[in-house]
Amino acid sequence: MKYTFVFPGQGSQFVGMGKELADNFKSAKDVFQEVNEAISQDLFKLMVEGPEHELTLTANAQPALMAHSMAVVRVLEKDFGIKLKDKASFVAGHSLGEYSAACAAGVFSLSDTAKLLRTRGEAMQQAVPVGVGGMAAVIGVSYQDVQALAEACSDENTICVAANDNADGQVVLSGHMKAIEKAVEIASEFGAKRCIKLPVSAPFHSPLMKPAAEVMAKALSEVKANRAEIPLIANVLATSIQDEKEIVKHLVEQVTGSVRWRESVNYMSEQGVTDVVELGAGKVLSGIIKRGHKEMNALSVGSVAEIEALAKDL
């Protein structure tokens, strides 16, 4: 058995997240309290009670998803005696999930990770005025075809890029709203089954996020980073690294760069990974892996019952 632990990105949040863990484990409750104190907000109350539209705001969703993931990690470690570094060949995360992965691998402290994600969420939201940029999911064509579609929707003044290469036949475009709307109109000409505008408020992982990348370069330079105890598969590289300077550098690049998730999962497979465990909210990443890589066992672990089942397997 060769394990990779993966951490979800934005969109997996839900009202009620973390409540069951906090009700059952003091170690989980302590995580939520530490995150609250780090960002000077009762984020856990928002996670449990909503409203959903506030939880979905980028500045709230990012630290909330990390907090839920790290609560699962802490419960495994403190209540079941299972340390990720003893079991994992790799860790990886989708977009903000890469920060959760870095925290789980000991690169950043929990409180520093919470502060970084609050800063990241705010910076990404503020980089582009609402309505100027957007994203769209293109279904049913290759990454190369989506790149060609992006080029057809771009010009000197309009940016459109393939931002998230999630899986075969599932690629997300990001850029100016004008370009995204054009892509929705003409995607079928490039063979796409569907092209759907996403309910996001900014063009993440595109060159339009450059102001946010500058903010994150400063924020990351001000926190203590340690060598990763577990090799981390970086979004922009789709290969693993452990050096803390490299990890920080690529986290900055990730703000404007593509999330190479399809290639990251291929890398796991090439390295002989047999089991991929998604820690935290939702089942998005484990679902992608199940569909694309039948040779790997993929599961999601976010509830008490799922943690107990995983602990028995480990």
Protein backbone atom coordinates (compact mmCIF):
# COMPACT_ATOMS: atom_id res chain seq x y z
CA MET A 1 0.00 0.00 0.00
CA LYS A 2 1.33 3.42 -0.96
CA TYR A 3 -0.72 6.42 0.21
CA THR A 4 -1.20 9.99 -0.98
CA PHE A 5 -3.32 12.32 1.13
CA VAL A 6 -5.06 15.07 -0.82
CA PHE A 7 -6.88 18.22 0.30
CA PRO A 8 -9.94 19.83 -1.32
CA GLY A 9 -10.20 23.25 -2.92
CA GLN A 10 -12.87 25.93 -3.05
CA GLY A 11 -16.38 24.74 -3.78
CA SER A 12 -16.33 21.83 -1.31
CA GLN A 13 -17.49 23.97 1.63
CA PHE A 14 -20.96 23.44 3.12
CA VAL A 15 -22.95 24.82 6.05
CA GLY A 16 -22.52 22.44 8.99
CA MET A 17 -18.94 21.52 8.12
CA GLY A 18 -16.82 20.52 11.10
CA LYS A 19 -19.67 20.35 13.64
CA GLU A 20 -19.70 16.56 14.02
CA LEU A 21 -15.91 16.49 14.46
CA ALA A 22 -15.98 19.24 17.13
CA ASP A 23 -18.85 17.49 18.96
CA ASN A 24 -16.90 14.24 19.13
CA PHE A 25 -13.23 15.21 19.45
CA LYS A 26 -11.57 17.89 21.56
CA SER A 27 -8.59 17.80 19.17
CA ALA A 28 -10.89 18.97 16.34
CA LYS A 29 -12.50 21.64 18.51
CA ASP A 30 -9.00 22.93 19.36
CA VAL A 31 -8.18 23.28 15.64
CA PHE A 32 -11.29 25.40 15.03
CA GLN A 33 -10.51 27.54 18.09
CA GLU A 34 -6.91 28.11 16.97
CA VAL A 35 -8.07 29.16 13.48
CA ASN A 36 -10.66 31.53 15.02
CA GLU A 37 -7.95 33.16 17.13
CA ALA A 38 -5.49 33.38 14.20
CA ILE A 39 -7.88 35.36 11.98
CA SER A 40 -9.76 37.16 14.82
CA GLN A 41 -13.16 35.88 13.66
CA ASP A 42 -15.62 33.21 14.83
CA LEU A 43 -15.17 31.34 11.55
CA PHE A 44 -16.31 28.07 13.12
CA LYS A 45 -19.74 29.58 13.91
CA LEU A 46 -20.03 30.60 10.24
CA MET A 47 -18.99 27.08 9.16
CA VAL A 48 -21.64 25.47 11.35
CA GLU A 49 -24.51 27.96 11.04
CA GLY A 50 -23.92 29.86 7.78
CA PRO A 51 -25.37 31.80 6.05
CA GLU A 52 -24.14 29.96 2.98
CA HIS A 53 -23.49 33.11 0.92
CA GLU A 54 -21.05 34.35 3.61
CA LEU A 55 -19.30 30.99 3.97
CA THR A 56 -18.88 30.88 0.17
CA LEU A 57 -16.99 34.20 0.11
CA THR A 58 -13.42 33.44 -0.93
CA ALA A 59 -11.89 35.00 2.21
CA ASN A 60 -14.03 32.71 4.42
CA ALA A 61 -14.18 29.53 2.33
CA GLN A 62 -10.40 29.19 2.03
CA PRO A 63 -9.50 29.12 5.77
CA ALA A 64 -12.71 27.16 6.53
CA LEU A 65 -11.81 24.32 4.17
CA MET A 66 -8.26 24.20 5.53
CA ALA A 67 -9.58 24.15 9.13
CA HIS A 68 -11.87 21.20 8.38
CA SER A 69 -9.04 19.28 6.68
CA MET A 70 -6.61 19.95 9.52
CA ALA A 71 -9.22 18.91 12.09
CA VAL A 72 -9.36 15.51 10.36
CA VAL A 73 -5.53 15.34 10.39
CA ARG A 74 -5.39 16.22 14.12
CA VAL A 75 -8.05 13.65 15.03
CA LEU A 76 -6.11 10.95 13.16
CA GLU A 77 -2.90 11.97 14.95
CA LYS A 78 -4.14 12.67 18.48
CA ASP A 79 -7.10 10.32 18.85
CA PHE A 80 -5.99 7.40 16.71
CA GLY A 81 -2.19 7.71 16.97
CA ILE A 82 -1.77 7.89 13.16
CA LYS A 83 0.82 10.38 11.91
CA LEU A 84 0.54 11.26 8.23
CA LYS A 85 4.33 11.39 7.84
CA ASP A 86 4.52 7.69 8.82
CA LYS A 87 1.89 6.65 6.26
CA ALA A 88 2.09 9.08 3.33
CA SER A 89 4.33 8.88 0.28
CA PHE A 90 2.97 12.28 -0.85
CA VAL A 91 0.54 15.06 -0.01
CA ALA A 92 -1.19 17.32 -2.54
CA GLY A 93 -4.03 19.82 -2.60
CA HIS A 94 -6.18 21.53 -5.21
CA SER A 95 -5.48 25.29 -5.27
CA LEU A 96 -6.06 26.47 -1.66
CA GLY A 97 -5.79 22.77 -0.72
CA GLU A 98 -2.07 23.01 -1.40
CA TYR A 99 -1.84 25.18 1.73
CA SER A 100 -3.69 22.49 3.72
CA ALA A 101 -1.23 19.93 2.32
CA ALA A 102 1.73 22.14 3.30
CA CYS A 103 0.32 22.54 6.83
CA ALA A 104 -0.23 18.77 7.13
CA ALA A 105 3.37 18.22 5.99
CA GLY A 106 4.70 20.59 8.68
CA VAL A 107 5.75 23.40 6.32
CA PHE A 108 3.59 26.03 8.09
CA SER A 109 1.96 26.17 11.51
CA LEU A 110 -1.84 25.97 11.68
CA SER A 111 -2.25 29.61 12.72
CA ASP A 112 0.12 30.85 10.00
CA THR A 113 -1.75 28.77 7.38
CA ALA A 114 -5.07 30.29 8.49
CA LYS A 115 -3.64 33.82 8.25
CA LEU A 116 -2.10 33.10 4.83
CA LEU A 117 -5.40 31.80 3.47
CA ARG A 118 -7.35 34.76 4.82
CA THR A 119 -4.83 37.05 3.10
CA ARG A 120 -4.95 34.95 -0.08
CA GLY A 121 -8.74 34.96 -0.20
CA GLU A 122 -8.96 38.72 0.29
CA ALA A 123 -6.15 39.42 -2.21
CA MET A 124 -7.70 37.20 -4.88
CA GLN A 125 -11.09 38.84 -4.38
CA GLN A 126 -9.64 42.35 -4.57
CA ALA A 127 -7.30 41.74 -7.54
CA VAL A 128 -10.08 42.15 -10.10
CA PRO A 129 -13.36 44.11 -9.69
CA VAL A 130 -16.46 41.90 -9.47
CA GLY A 131 -17.90 41.33 -12.94
CA VAL A 132 -14.67 41.99 -14.83
CA GLY A 133 -13.42 38.40 -14.69
CA GLY A 134 -14.88 34.93 -14.52
CA MET A 135 -14.36 31.21 -15.04
CA ALA A 136 -16.05 28.46 -17.06
CA ALA A 137 -15.82 24.67 -17.03
CA VAL A 138 -15.29 23.03 -20.42
CA ILE A 139 -16.50 19.44 -20.56
CA GLY A 140 -15.69 16.66 -23.00
CA VAL A 141 -12.52 17.80 -24.78
CA SER A 142 -8.78 17.52 -24.25
CA TYR A 143 -6.60 20.09 -22.51
CA GLN A 144 -5.04 20.98 -25.90
CA ASP A 145 -8.49 21.70 -27.37
CA VAL A 146 -9.34 23.93 -24.40
CA GLN A 147 -6.04 25.79 -24.88
CA ALA A 148 -7.02 26.38 -28.52
CA LEU A 149 -10.45 27.64 -27.37
CA ALA A 150 -8.75 29.99 -24.89
CA GLU A 151 -6.52 31.39 -27.63
CA ALA A 152 -9.56 31.96 -29.88
CA CYS A 153 -11.18 34.01 -27.10
CA SER A 154 -8.07 36.11 -26.34
CA ASP A 155 -6.63 39.20 -27.98
CA GLU A 156 -4.22 42.00 -27.05
CA ASN A 157 -6.60 43.37 -24.42
CA THR A 158 -8.48 40.22 -23.38
CA ILE A 159 -7.05 37.36 -21.34
CA CYS A 160 -8.38 33.80 -21.41
CA VAL A 161 -6.35 30.82 -20.19
CA ALA A 162 -6.80 27.15 -19.26
CA ALA A 163 -6.58 27.55 -15.49
CA ASN A 164 -7.47 24.19 -13.92
CA ASP A 165 -6.61 20.98 -15.77
CA ASN A 166 -8.69 18.79 -13.46
CA ALA A 167 -9.15 15.58 -15.42
CA ASP A 168 -9.49 14.19 -18.94
CA GLY A 169 -12.43 16.10 -20.38
CA GLN A 170 -12.73 18.56 -17.49
CA VAL A 171 -10.76 21.81 -17.83
CA VAL A 172 -11.60 25.23 -16.39
CA LEU A 173 -11.04 28.49 -18.27
CA SER A 174 -10.28 31.76 -16.48
CA GLY A 175 -9.96 35.37 -17.65
CA HIS A 176 -11.90 38.47 -18.64
CA MET A 177 -15.67 38.00 -18.50
CA LYS A 178 -15.97 39.03 -22.16
CA ALA A 179 -13.67 36.15 -23.13
CA ILE A 180 -15.43 33.67 -20.85
CA GLU A 181 -18.82 34.54 -22.36
CA LYS A 182 -17.37 34.13 -25.86
CA ALA A 183 -15.96 30.72 -24.85
CA VAL A 184 -19.40 29.59 -23.68
CA GLU A 185 -20.81 30.63 -27.09
CA ILE A 186 -18.20 28.96 -29.32
CA ALA A 187 -16.98 25.98 -27.23
CA SER A 188 -19.03 23.50 -29.30
CA GLU A 189 -16.96 24.49 -32.37
CA PHE A 190 -13.93 23.04 -30.52
CA GLY A 191 -15.75 19.79 -29.77
CA ALA A 192 -16.89 20.59 -26.23
CA LYS A 193 -20.01 18.81 -24.97
CA ARG A 194 -20.69 21.69 -22.60
CA CYS A 195 -19.13 24.96 -21.43
CA ILE A 196 -20.64 26.29 -18.22
CA LYS A 197 -19.94 29.59 -16.50
CA LEU A 198 -18.96 28.95 -12.87
CA PRO A 199 -20.46 30.79 -9.88
CA VAL A 200 -17.17 32.41 -8.84
CA SER A 201 -16.45 36.07 -8.31
CA ALA A 202 -12.94 36.30 -9.76
CA PRO A 203 -10.74 34.83 -12.53
CA PHE A 204 -8.57 32.58 -10.34
CA HIS A 205 -5.32 31.06 -11.65
CA SER A 206 -4.98 33.55 -14.51
CA PRO A 207 -2.54 36.43 -15.19
CA LEU A 208 -5.28 38.79 -13.93
CA MET A 209 -4.40 37.58 -10.42
CA LYS A 210 -0.94 39.20 -10.56
CA PRO A 211 -1.77 41.76 -7.81
CA ALA A 212 -2.76 38.86 -5.52
CA ALA A 213 0.48 37.01 -6.32
CA GLU A 214 2.44 40.10 -5.19
CA VAL A 215 0.48 40.20 -1.93
CA MET A 216 1.15 36.49 -1.33
CA ALA A 217 4.87 36.83 -2.07
CA LYS A 218 5.09 39.38 0.76
CA ALA A 219 2.83 37.40 3.14
CA LEU A 220 4.74 34.15 2.57
CA SER A 221 8.09 35.89 3.11
CA GLU A 222 6.94 36.91 6.60
CA VAL A 223 6.07 33.45 7.97
CA LYS A 224 8.36 30.65 9.11
CA ALA A 225 8.50 27.80 6.59
CA ASN A 226 10.02 24.38 7.31
CA ARG A 227 11.17 21.57 5.04
CA ALA A 228 8.17 19.35 4.25
CA GLU A 229 8.10 16.12 6.27
CA ILE A 230 6.18 14.53 3.38
CA PRO A 231 6.94 15.23 -0.31
CA LEU A 232 4.38 17.75 -1.62
CA ILE A 233 3.13 17.55 -5.21
CA ALA A 234 2.96 21.19 -6.32
CA ASN A 235 0.04 22.35 -8.50
CA VAL A 236 2.23 24.25 -10.95
CA LEU A 237 4.84 21.46 -11.27
CA ALA A 238 2.84 18.21 -11.06
CA THR A 239 5.90 16.69 -9.37
CA SER A 240 6.94 16.50 -5.71
CA ILE A 241 9.19 18.86 -3.73
CA GLN A 242 10.25 19.15 -0.07
CA ASP A 243 12.48 22.22 0.09
CA GLU A 244 10.60 25.02 1.86
CA LYS A 245 11.96 27.76 -0.44
CA GLU A 246 10.75 25.84 -3.48
CA ILE A 247 7.33 25.28 -1.90
CA VAL A 248 6.95 29.00 -1.09
CA LYS A 249 8.09 30.01 -4.59
CA HIS A 250 5.56 27.72 -6.25
CA LEU A 251 2.74 28.81 -3.93
CA VAL A 252 3.30 32.35 -5.23
CA GLU A 253 3.36 31.12 -8.85
CA GLN A 254 0.19 29.11 -8.21
CA VAL A 255 -1.91 32.30 -7.79
CA THR A 256 -1.54 33.13 -11.50
CA GLY A 257 -0.50 29.67 -12.76
CA SER A 258 -2.49 26.61 -13.81
CA VAL A 259 -3.55 23.91 -11.39
CA ARG A 260 -2.12 20.82 -13.10
CA TRP A 261 -4.29 18.33 -11.22
CA ARG A 262 -4.67 15.75 -14.02
CA GLU A 263 -0.88 15.55 -14.37
CA SER A 264 -0.46 15.49 -10.58
CA VAL A 265 -2.69 12.42 -10.32
CA ASN A 266 -0.83 10.83 -13.24
CA TYR A 267 2.40 11.46 -11.30
CA MET A 268 0.95 9.68 -8.24
CA SER A 269 0.07 6.70 -10.42
CA GLU A 270 3.54 6.65 -12.02
CA GLN A 271 5.10 6.66 -8.53
CA GLY A 272 3.15 3.53 -7.60
CA VAL A 273 0.54 5.13 -5.34
CA THR A 274 -2.22 2.60 -4.61
CA ASP A 275 -4.52 4.63 -2.33
CA VAL A 276 -5.52 8.30 -2.43
CA VAL A 277 -7.34 9.67 0.61
CA GLU A 278 -9.12 13.04 0.44
CA LEU A 279 -9.10 14.62 3.91
CA GLY A 280 -11.76 17.23 4.68
CA ALA A 281 -14.98 18.48 3.11
CA GLY A 282 -16.66 17.00 0.05
CA LYS A 283 -15.72 14.25 -2.37
CA VAL A 284 -14.62 16.24 -5.44
CA LEU A 285 -11.00 15.08 -5.70
CA SER A 286 -11.67 11.45 -4.81
CA GLY A 287 -14.46 11.47 -7.41
CA ILE A 288 -12.11 12.77 -10.12
CA ILE A 289 -9.53 10.10 -9.25
CA LYS A 290 -12.09 7.27 -9.19
CA ARG A 291 -13.27 8.19 -12.68
CA GLY A 292 -9.83 8.60 -14.23
CA HIS A 293 -7.64 6.06 -12.42
CA LYS A 294 -9.29 2.71 -11.81
CA GLU A 295 -5.94 1.29 -10.66
CA MET A 296 -6.00 3.51 -7.54
CA ASN A 297 -8.35 3.21 -4.60
CA ALA A 298 -9.76 6.70 -3.82
CA LEU A 299 -11.87 7.64 -0.82
CA SER A 300 -12.94 10.78 1.03
CA VAL A 301 -12.66 11.12 4.81
CA GLY A 302 -14.42 13.96 6.60
CA SER A 303 -16.88 12.42 9.08
CA VAL A 304 -16.39 10.53 12.35
CA ALA A 305 -17.42 7.21 10.74
CA GLU A 306 -15.06 7.76 7.80
CA ILE A 307 -12.15 8.61 10.12
CA GLU A 308 -12.79 5.47 12.18
CA ALA A 309 -12.91 3.32 9.04
CA LEU A 310 -9.67 4.84 7.71
CA ALA A 311 -7.93 4.36 11.07
CA LYS A 312 -8.74 0.63 10.94
CA ASP A 313 -7.29 0.37 7.40
CA LEU A 314 -4.12 2.26 8.35
